[in-house]
Amino acid sequence: MDHSASPSPPRRTLRVVLLGLAILGPAALLFVMRRPLMMSAPMCAAGRWHGCFDTFNGVVLMTLVALPPALLVAWLLARRRRAAGVARAWRTSLAEVGVVHGTVPFVWLTMMPGAGAGVVPGRVSLVPLRDLATMGPLGIIGNLLVFAALGFFAPLRFAALASPARILALGAGCSVLVEVAQYVLRLDRVSSVDDVLVNAVGALLAGLASRRWWRTPAPVPAPEPASASASASASASAPEREPAG
């Protein structure tokens, strides 16, 4: 019996489950945060900077609003790549859009200036694990999510990053750039080494979550063709003929 078509139902079920989670996840988040988000909705609808793009609720609201256009862009990119005969068009397109849509809002939040921006000098905390106690659970979760989308989608898009060590280095490097920018721009934020550590760990955990899609199996040597092996064995077994005369 031919069992070649047996894996299709599980794959189809997995796709349905992932699609359902992709729909229910933002819907559940929107339901839980509906009240704070609605406080920023009038400001965002009016296009006002203050009260929308300079608040956490406003940035989250605009991120959710931008989700359907982001999916549309991914679909257009995938359609164009499929027409050009590019392999893995959907995965590449979703990875590109996911990196941007999932990373830019969090970086925007980390770069929001405090009340004393431009007045208070930059502060640095270089002692590892000293600031973890002051972060709290929400602070730790927020720092884990800053570069989670980057760690999840970057190895799907760039084969050179398909390694846990490289994903960790990517998250740490991007976090260092953000912390340096906070210090140089005097945003009234503490540039902490713990932020770098937690951001890098978040990128690594997200990269491990997508590992099944970007890891490459070990190459299997191709079997030698039967005709070639048979001719080689026949030539080796045949006796050498002496020249006549």
C-alpha atoms as a PDB file:
ATOM      1  CA  MET A   1       0.000   0.000   0.000  1.00  0.00           C
ATOM      2  CA  ASP A   2       1.153   3.517  -0.756  1.00  0.00           C
ATOM      3  CA  HIS A   3       1.331   5.654   2.384  1.00  0.00           C
ATOM      4  CA  SER A   4       2.873   8.692   0.717  1.00  0.00           C
ATOM      5  CA  ALA A   5      -0.287  10.780   1.171  1.00  0.00           C
ATOM      6  CA  SER A   6      -0.764   9.909   4.863  1.00  0.00           C
ATOM      7  CA  PRO A   7       1.113  12.958   6.329  1.00  0.00           C
ATOM      8  CA  SER A   8      -1.222  15.417   4.601  1.00  0.00           C
ATOM      9  CA  PRO A   9      -4.130  15.251   7.121  1.00  0.00           C
ATOM     10  CA  PRO A  10      -1.879  16.038  10.138  1.00  0.00           C
ATOM     11  CA  ARG A  11      -0.272  18.891   8.242  1.00  0.00           C
ATOM     12  CA  ARG A  12      -3.658  20.215   7.260  1.00  0.00           C
ATOM     13  CA  THR A  13      -4.823  19.975  10.878  1.00  0.00           C
ATOM     14  CA  LEU A  14      -1.691  21.771  12.053  1.00  0.00           C
ATOM     15  CA  ARG A  15      -2.293  24.589   9.598  1.00  0.00           C
ATOM     16  CA  VAL A  16      -5.872  24.955  10.775  1.00  0.00           C
ATOM     17  CA  VAL A  17      -4.735  25.052  14.409  1.00  0.00           C
ATOM     18  CA  LEU A  18      -2.054  27.644  13.691  1.00  0.00           C
ATOM     19  CA  LEU A  19      -4.530  29.766  11.742  1.00  0.00           C
ATOM     20  CA  GLY A  20      -7.007  29.549  14.603  1.00  0.00           C
ATOM     21  CA  LEU A  21      -4.342  30.576  17.108  1.00  0.00           C
ATOM     22  CA  ALA A  22      -3.287  33.466  14.878  1.00  0.00           C
ATOM     23  CA  ILE A  23      -6.874  34.719  14.882  1.00  0.00           C
ATOM     24  CA  LEU A  24      -7.777  33.967  18.493  1.00  0.00           C
ATOM     25  CA  GLY A  25      -4.505  35.324  19.920  1.00  0.00           C
ATOM     26  CA  PRO A  26      -4.947  38.958  18.832  1.00  0.00           C
ATOM     27  CA  ALA A  27      -8.695  38.721  19.517  1.00  0.00           C
ATOM     28  CA  ALA A  28      -8.067  37.580  23.104  1.00  0.00           C
ATOM     29  CA  LEU A  29      -5.427  40.271  23.599  1.00  0.00           C
ATOM     30  CA  LEU A  30      -7.812  42.884  22.242  1.00  0.00           C
ATOM     31  CA  PHE A  31     -10.583  41.689  24.578  1.00  0.00           C
ATOM     32  CA  VAL A  32      -8.348  41.797  27.656  1.00  0.00           C
ATOM     33  CA  MET A  33      -6.932  45.224  26.842  1.00  0.00           C
ATOM     34  CA  ARG A  34     -10.075  46.695  25.333  1.00  0.00           C
ATOM     35  CA  ARG A  35     -10.533  49.369  28.017  1.00  0.00           C
ATOM     36  CA  PRO A  36      -6.994  50.819  28.017  1.00  0.00           C
ATOM     37  CA  LEU A  37      -6.853  50.588  24.244  1.00  0.00           C
ATOM     38  CA  MET A  38     -10.115  52.452  23.850  1.00  0.00           C
ATOM     39  CA  MET A  39      -8.657  55.277  25.945  1.00  0.00           C
ATOM     40  CA  SER A  40      -6.042  55.847  23.236  1.00  0.00           C
ATOM     41  CA  ALA A  41      -8.374  55.164  20.296  1.00  0.00           C
ATOM     42  CA  PRO A  42      -9.710  58.769  19.988  1.00  0.00           C
ATOM     43  CA  MET A  43      -6.182  60.208  19.989  1.00  0.00           C
ATOM     44  CA  CYS A  44      -4.969  57.701  17.394  1.00  0.00           C
ATOM     45  CA  ALA A  45      -8.063  58.185  15.236  1.00  0.00           C
ATOM     46  CA  ALA A  46      -7.475  61.945  15.273  1.00  0.00           C
ATOM     47  CA  GLY A  47      -3.837  61.439  14.268  1.00  0.00           C
ATOM     48  CA  ARG A  48      -2.483  63.088  17.414  1.00  0.00           C
ATOM     49  CA  TRP A  49       1.028  62.236  18.452  1.00  0.00           C
ATOM     50  CA  HIS A  50       0.492  62.962  22.142  1.00  0.00           C
ATOM     51  CA  GLY A  51      -1.729  60.341  23.710  1.00  0.00           C
ATOM     52  CA  CYS A  52      -1.239  57.803  20.919  1.00  0.00           C
ATOM     53  CA  PHE A  53       2.301  57.230  19.707  1.00  0.00           C
ATOM     54  CA  ASP A  54       3.917  58.290  22.971  1.00  0.00           C
ATOM     55  CA  THR A  55       1.961  55.839  25.171  1.00  0.00           C
ATOM     56  CA  PHE A  56       2.115  52.100  25.601  1.00  0.00           C
ATOM     57  CA  ASN A  57      -1.611  51.654  24.962  1.00  0.00           C
ATOM     58  CA  GLY A  58      -1.459  53.705  21.791  1.00  0.00           C
ATOM     59  CA  VAL A  59       1.477  51.772  20.357  1.00  0.00           C
ATOM     60  CA  VAL A  60      -0.201  48.436  21.124  1.00  0.00           C
ATOM     61  CA  LEU A  61      -3.421  49.652  19.518  1.00  0.00           C
ATOM     62  CA  MET A  62      -1.660  50.797  16.350  1.00  0.00           C
ATOM     63  CA  THR A  63       0.246  47.494  16.202  1.00  0.00           C
ATOM     64  CA  LEU A  64      -3.034  45.560  16.244  1.00  0.00           C
ATOM     65  CA  VAL A  65      -4.566  47.906  13.676  1.00  0.00           C
ATOM     66  CA  ALA A  66      -1.547  47.406  11.400  1.00  0.00           C
ATOM     67  CA  LEU A  67      -1.800  43.596  11.565  1.00  0.00           C
ATOM     68  CA  PRO A  68      -4.242  43.155   8.613  1.00  0.00           C
ATOM     69  CA  PRO A  69      -2.179  45.453   6.319  1.00  0.00           C
ATOM     70  CA  ALA A  70       0.953  43.548   7.330  1.00  0.00           C
ATOM     71  CA  LEU A  71      -0.675  40.235   6.363  1.00  0.00           C
ATOM     72  CA  LEU A  72      -1.764  41.796   3.072  1.00  0.00           C
ATOM     73  CA  VAL A  73       1.804  42.868   2.344  1.00  0.00           C
ATOM     74  CA  ALA A  74       3.042  39.364   3.128  1.00  0.00           C
ATOM     75  CA  TRP A  75       0.448  37.907   0.752  1.00  0.00           C
ATOM     76  CA  LEU A  76       1.454  40.282  -2.043  1.00  0.00           C
ATOM     77  CA  LEU A  77       5.140  39.485  -1.578  1.00  0.00           C
ATOM     78  CA  ALA A  78       4.447  35.754  -1.548  1.00  0.00           C
ATOM     79  CA  ARG A  79       2.305  35.988  -4.662  1.00  0.00           C
ATOM     80  CA  ARG A  80       5.023  37.897  -6.493  1.00  0.00           C
ATOM     81  CA  ARG A  81       7.681  35.410  -5.454  1.00  0.00           C
ATOM     82  CA  ARG A  82       5.554  32.411  -6.434  1.00  0.00           C
ATOM     83  CA  ALA A  83       4.956  33.946  -9.852  1.00  0.00           C
ATOM     84  CA  ALA A  84       8.719  34.300 -10.227  1.00  0.00           C
ATOM     85  CA  GLY A  85       9.240  30.672  -9.236  1.00  0.00           C
ATOM     86  CA  VAL A  86      10.953  31.410  -5.920  1.00  0.00           C
ATOM     87  CA  ALA A  87      11.013  28.481  -3.511  1.00  0.00           C
ATOM     88  CA  ARG A  88       9.408  28.910  -0.076  1.00  0.00           C
ATOM     89  CA  ALA A  89       7.755  32.140  -1.101  1.00  0.00           C
ATOM     90  CA  TRP A  90       5.252  32.203   1.752  1.00  0.00           C
ATOM     91  CA  ARG A  91       7.816  31.473   4.451  1.00  0.00           C
ATOM     92  CA  THR A  92      10.207  34.119   3.208  1.00  0.00           C
ATOM     93  CA  SER A  93       7.501  36.762   2.890  1.00  0.00           C
ATOM     94  CA  LEU A  94       6.012  36.066   6.318  1.00  0.00           C
ATOM     95  CA  ALA A  95       9.483  36.151   7.857  1.00  0.00           C
ATOM     96  CA  GLU A  96      10.280  39.558   6.364  1.00  0.00           C
ATOM     97  CA  VAL A  97       6.971  41.108   7.424  1.00  0.00           C
ATOM     98  CA  GLY A  98       7.070  39.401  10.828  1.00  0.00           C
ATOM     99  CA  VAL A  99      10.519  40.775  11.671  1.00  0.00           C
ATOM    100  CA  VAL A 100       9.430  44.338  10.950  1.00  0.00           C
ATOM    101  CA  HIS A 101       5.917  44.204  12.396  1.00  0.00           C
ATOM    102  CA  GLY A 102       6.960  42.321  15.528  1.00  0.00           C
ATOM    103  CA  THR A 103      10.142  44.244  16.329  1.00  0.00           C
ATOM    104  CA  VAL A 104       9.566  47.906  15.454  1.00  0.00           C
ATOM    105  CA  PRO A 105       6.770  48.517  18.025  1.00  0.00           C
ATOM    106  CA  PHE A 106       8.815  47.085  20.899  1.00  0.00           C
ATOM    107  CA  VAL A 107      11.910  49.042  19.926  1.00  0.00           C
ATOM    108  CA  TRP A 108       9.710  52.143  19.676  1.00  0.00           C
ATOM    109  CA  LEU A 109       8.498  51.537  23.248  1.00  0.00           C
ATOM    110  CA  THR A 110      12.035  51.131  24.571  1.00  0.00           C
ATOM    111  CA  MET A 111      13.069  54.385  22.893  1.00  0.00           C
ATOM    112  CA  MET A 112      10.246  56.459  24.398  1.00  0.00           C
ATOM    113  CA  PRO A 113      11.751  59.367  26.351  1.00  0.00           C
ATOM    114  CA  GLY A 114      11.095  59.728  30.067  1.00  0.00           C
ATOM    115  CA  ALA A 115      10.002  62.802  31.968  1.00  0.00           C
ATOM    116  CA  GLY A 116      13.575  64.066  32.335  1.00  0.00           C
ATOM    117  CA  ALA A 117      14.737  63.388  28.779  1.00  0.00           C
ATOM    118  CA  GLY A 118      17.417  65.820  27.679  1.00  0.00           C
ATOM    119  CA  VAL A 119      17.929  67.069  31.226  1.00  0.00           C
ATOM    120  CA  VAL A 120      18.869  64.025  33.256  1.00  0.00           C
ATOM    121  CA  PRO A 121      22.277  62.608  32.309  1.00  0.00           C
ATOM    122  CA  GLY A 122      22.524  59.080  30.981  1.00  0.00           C
ATOM    123  CA  ARG A 123      22.656  56.299  33.541  1.00  0.00           C
ATOM    124  CA  VAL A 124      24.428  52.986  33.141  1.00  0.00           C
ATOM    125  CA  SER A 125      24.136  49.755  35.144  1.00  0.00           C
ATOM    126  CA  LEU A 126      26.898  47.294  34.298  1.00  0.00           C
ATOM    127  CA  VAL A 127      26.481  44.854  37.210  1.00  0.00           C
ATOM    128  CA  PRO A 128      24.838  41.663  35.878  1.00  0.00           C
ATOM    129  CA  LEU A 129      21.606  40.450  37.485  1.00  0.00           C
ATOM    130  CA  ARG A 130      21.333  43.486  39.769  1.00  0.00           C
ATOM    131  CA  ASP A 131      18.341  45.043  38.000  1.00  0.00           C
ATOM    132  CA  LEU A 132      16.309  41.848  37.572  1.00  0.00           C
ATOM    133  CA  ALA A 133      14.685  42.271  40.981  1.00  0.00           C
ATOM    134  CA  THR A 134      13.535  45.792  40.132  1.00  0.00           C
ATOM    135  CA  MET A 135      12.134  44.785  36.725  1.00  0.00           C
ATOM    136  CA  GLY A 136       9.304  42.697  38.107  1.00  0.00           C
ATOM    137  CA  PRO A 137       7.430  39.990  36.160  1.00  0.00           C
ATOM    138  CA  LEU A 138       5.925  42.432  33.637  1.00  0.00           C
ATOM    139  CA  GLY A 139       9.279  44.085  33.022  1.00  0.00           C
ATOM    140  CA  ILE A 140      10.994  40.739  32.442  1.00  0.00           C
ATOM    141  CA  ILE A 141       8.243  39.569  30.081  1.00  0.00           C
ATOM    142  CA  GLY A 142       8.397  42.852  28.194  1.00  0.00           C
ATOM    143  CA  ASN A 143      12.161  42.596  27.775  1.00  0.00           C
ATOM    144  CA  LEU A 144      11.846  39.002  26.589  1.00  0.00           C
ATOM    145  CA  LEU A 145       9.457  40.146  23.859  1.00  0.00           C
ATOM    146  CA  VAL A 146      11.532  43.061  22.536  1.00  0.00           C
ATOM    147  CA  PHE A 147      13.495  40.959  20.026  1.00  0.00           C
ATOM    148  CA  ALA A 148      11.367  37.801  20.134  1.00  0.00           C
ATOM    149  CA  ALA A 149       9.999  38.377  16.631  1.00  0.00           C
ATOM    150  CA  LEU A 150      13.527  38.985  15.358  1.00  0.00           C
ATOM    151  CA  GLY A 151      14.753  35.732  16.876  1.00  0.00           C
ATOM    152  CA  PHE A 152      11.737  33.817  15.569  1.00  0.00           C
ATOM    153  CA  PHE A 153      11.684  35.042  11.967  1.00  0.00           C
ATOM    154  CA  ALA A 154      15.297  36.026  11.200  1.00  0.00           C
ATOM    155  CA  PRO A 155      16.627  32.450  10.812  1.00  0.00           C
ATOM    156  CA  LEU A 156      13.663  31.668   8.552  1.00  0.00           C
ATOM    157  CA  ARG A 157      14.685  34.489   6.246  1.00  0.00           C
ATOM    158  CA  PHE A 158      18.479  34.354   6.477  1.00  0.00           C
ATOM    159  CA  ALA A 159      20.105  30.923   6.411  1.00  0.00           C
ATOM    160  CA  ALA A 160      23.301  32.383   7.879  1.00  0.00           C
ATOM    161  CA  LEU A 161      21.444  33.041  11.148  1.00  0.00           C
ATOM    162  CA  ALA A 162      20.073  29.505  11.480  1.00  0.00           C
ATOM    163  CA  SER A 163      22.007  28.716  14.643  1.00  0.00           C
ATOM    164  CA  PRO A 164      21.146  29.220  18.345  1.00  0.00           C
ATOM    165  CA  ALA A 165      24.484  30.891  18.999  1.00  0.00           C
ATOM    166  CA  ARG A 166      23.999  33.335  16.129  1.00  0.00           C
ATOM    167  CA  ILE A 167      20.438  34.125  17.177  1.00  0.00           C
ATOM    168  CA  LEU A 168      21.665  34.844  20.700  1.00  0.00           C
ATOM    169  CA  ALA A 169      24.433  37.065  19.326  1.00  0.00           C
ATOM    170  CA  LEU A 170      21.937  38.866  17.079  1.00  0.00           C
ATOM    171  CA  GLY A 171      19.610  39.617  19.986  1.00  0.00           C
ATOM    172  CA  ALA A 172      22.481  40.766  22.179  1.00  0.00           C
ATOM    173  CA  GLY A 173      23.940  42.994  19.453  1.00  0.00           C
ATOM    174  CA  CYS A 174      20.622  44.685  18.673  1.00  0.00           C
ATOM    175  CA  SER A 175      19.972  45.184  22.386  1.00  0.00           C
ATOM    176  CA  VAL A 176      23.388  46.788  22.849  1.00  0.00           C
ATOM    177  CA  LEU A 177      22.593  49.239  20.048  1.00  0.00           C
ATOM    178  CA  VAL A 178      19.309  50.175  21.741  1.00  0.00           C
ATOM    179  CA  GLU A 179      20.956  50.655  25.141  1.00  0.00           C
ATOM    180  CA  VAL A 180      23.718  52.797  23.644  1.00  0.00           C
ATOM    181  CA  ALA A 181      21.122  54.909  21.821  1.00  0.00           C
ATOM    182  CA  GLN A 182      19.206  55.434  25.059  1.00  0.00           C
ATOM    183  CA  TYR A 183      22.373  56.654  26.759  1.00  0.00           C
ATOM    184  CA  VAL A 184      23.577  58.890  23.926  1.00  0.00           C
ATOM    185  CA  LEU A 185      20.162  60.485  23.333  1.00  0.00           C
ATOM    186  CA  ARG A 186      19.647  61.002  27.101  1.00  0.00           C
ATOM    187  CA  LEU A 187      16.152  59.538  27.117  1.00  0.00           C
ATOM    188  CA  ASP A 188      15.959  59.373  30.916  1.00  0.00           C
ATOM    189  CA  ARG A 189      16.361  55.604  30.857  1.00  0.00           C
ATOM    190  CA  VAL A 190      18.865  53.291  32.504  1.00  0.00           C
ATOM    191  CA  SER A 191      21.147  51.487  30.059  1.00  0.00           C
ATOM    192  CA  SER A 192      21.434  48.158  31.851  1.00  0.00           C
ATOM    193  CA  VAL A 193      23.391  45.036  31.067  1.00  0.00           C
ATOM    194  CA  ASP A 194      20.441  43.047  32.394  1.00  0.00           C
ATOM    195  CA  ASP A 195      18.268  44.447  29.608  1.00  0.00           C
ATOM    196  CA  VAL A 196      20.782  43.104  27.098  1.00  0.00           C
ATOM    197  CA  LEU A 197      20.821  39.697  28.750  1.00  0.00           C
ATOM    198  CA  VAL A 198      17.036  39.365  28.950  1.00  0.00           C
ATOM    199  CA  ASN A 199      16.534  40.671  25.401  1.00  0.00           C
ATOM    200  CA  ALA A 200      19.079  38.199  24.049  1.00  0.00           C
ATOM    201  CA  VAL A 201      17.481  35.305  25.945  1.00  0.00           C
ATOM    202  CA  GLY A 202      14.079  36.291  24.560  1.00  0.00           C
ATOM    203  CA  ALA A 203      15.444  36.227  21.010  1.00  0.00           C
ATOM    204  CA  LEU A 204      17.035  32.826  21.644  1.00  0.00           C
ATOM    205  CA  LEU A 205      13.860  31.299  23.085  1.00  0.00           C
ATOM    206  CA  ALA A 206      11.826  32.565  20.146  1.00  0.00           C
ATOM    207  CA  GLY A 207      14.426  31.207  17.731  1.00  0.00           C
ATOM    208  CA  LEU A 208      14.255  27.794  19.380  1.00  0.00           C
ATOM    209  CA  ALA A 209      10.460  27.912  19.044  1.00  0.00           C
ATOM    210  CA  SER A 210      10.823  28.199  15.254  1.00  0.00           C
ATOM    211  CA  ARG A 211      13.722  25.761  15.013  1.00  0.00           C
ATOM    212  CA  ARG A 212      11.672  23.023  13.355  1.00  0.00           C
ATOM    213  CA  TRP A 213      11.246  25.289  10.312  1.00  0.00           C
ATOM    214  CA  TRP A 214      14.809  26.551   9.900  1.00  0.00           C
ATOM    215  CA  ARG A 215      17.042  23.691  10.973  1.00  0.00           C
ATOM    216  CA  THR A 216      18.552  21.725   8.084  1.00  0.00           C
ATOM    217  CA  PRO A 217      18.909  17.942   8.361  1.00  0.00           C
ATOM    218  CA  ALA A 218      22.285  16.317   7.833  1.00  0.00           C
ATOM    219  CA  PRO A 219      22.941  15.625   4.150  1.00  0.00           C
ATOM    220  CA  VAL A 220      22.382  12.001   3.179  1.00  0.00           C
ATOM    221  CA  PRO A 221      24.846  10.643   0.576  1.00  0.00           C
ATOM    222  CA  ALA A 222      23.108   9.726  -2.651  1.00  0.00           C
ATOM    223  CA  PRO A 223      23.149   5.979  -3.438  1.00  0.00           C
ATOM    224  CA  GLU A 224      25.280   4.893  -6.328  1.00  0.00           C
ATOM    225  CA  PRO A 225      23.232   4.070  -9.449  1.00  0.00           C
ATOM    226  CA  ALA A 226      22.780   0.344 -10.013  1.00  0.00           C
ATOM    227  CA  SER A 227      23.904   0.492 -13.631  1.00  0.00           C
ATOM    228  CA  ALA A 228      27.135   2.272 -12.800  1.00  0.00           C
ATOM    229  CA  SER A 229      27.970  -0.114  -9.949  1.00  0.00           C
ATOM    230  CA  ALA A 230      27.191  -3.150 -12.124  1.00  0.00           C
ATOM    231  CA  SER A 231      29.404  -1.956 -14.966  1.00  0.00           C
ATOM    232  CA  ALA A 232      32.203  -1.144 -12.536  1.00  0.00           C
ATOM    233  CA  SER A 233      32.056  -4.611 -10.985  1.00  0.00           C
ATOM    234  CA  ALA A 234      31.911  -6.278 -14.416  1.00  0.00           C
ATOM    235  CA  SER A 235      34.961  -4.413 -15.626  1.00  0.00           C
ATOM    236  CA  ALA A 236      36.855  -5.276 -12.486  1.00  0.00           C
ATOM    237  CA  SER A 237      36.059  -9.016 -12.762  1.00  0.00           C
ATOM    238  CA  ALA A 238      36.803  -9.360 -16.497  1.00  0.00           C
ATOM    239  CA  PRO A 239      40.328 -10.836 -17.267  1.00  0.00           C
ATOM    240  CA  GLU A 240      42.760  -8.772 -19.187  1.00  0.00           C
ATOM    241  CA  ARG A 241      43.326  -9.918 -22.778  1.00  0.00           C
ATOM    242  CA  GLU A 242      46.826 -10.308 -24.161  1.00  0.00           C
ATOM    243  CA  PRO A 243      47.521  -8.642 -27.479  1.00  0.00           C
ATOM    244  CA  ALA A 244      47.571 -11.062 -30.486  1.00  0.00           C
ATOM    245  CA  GLY A 245      50.730 -11.833 -32.515  1.00  0.00           C
END
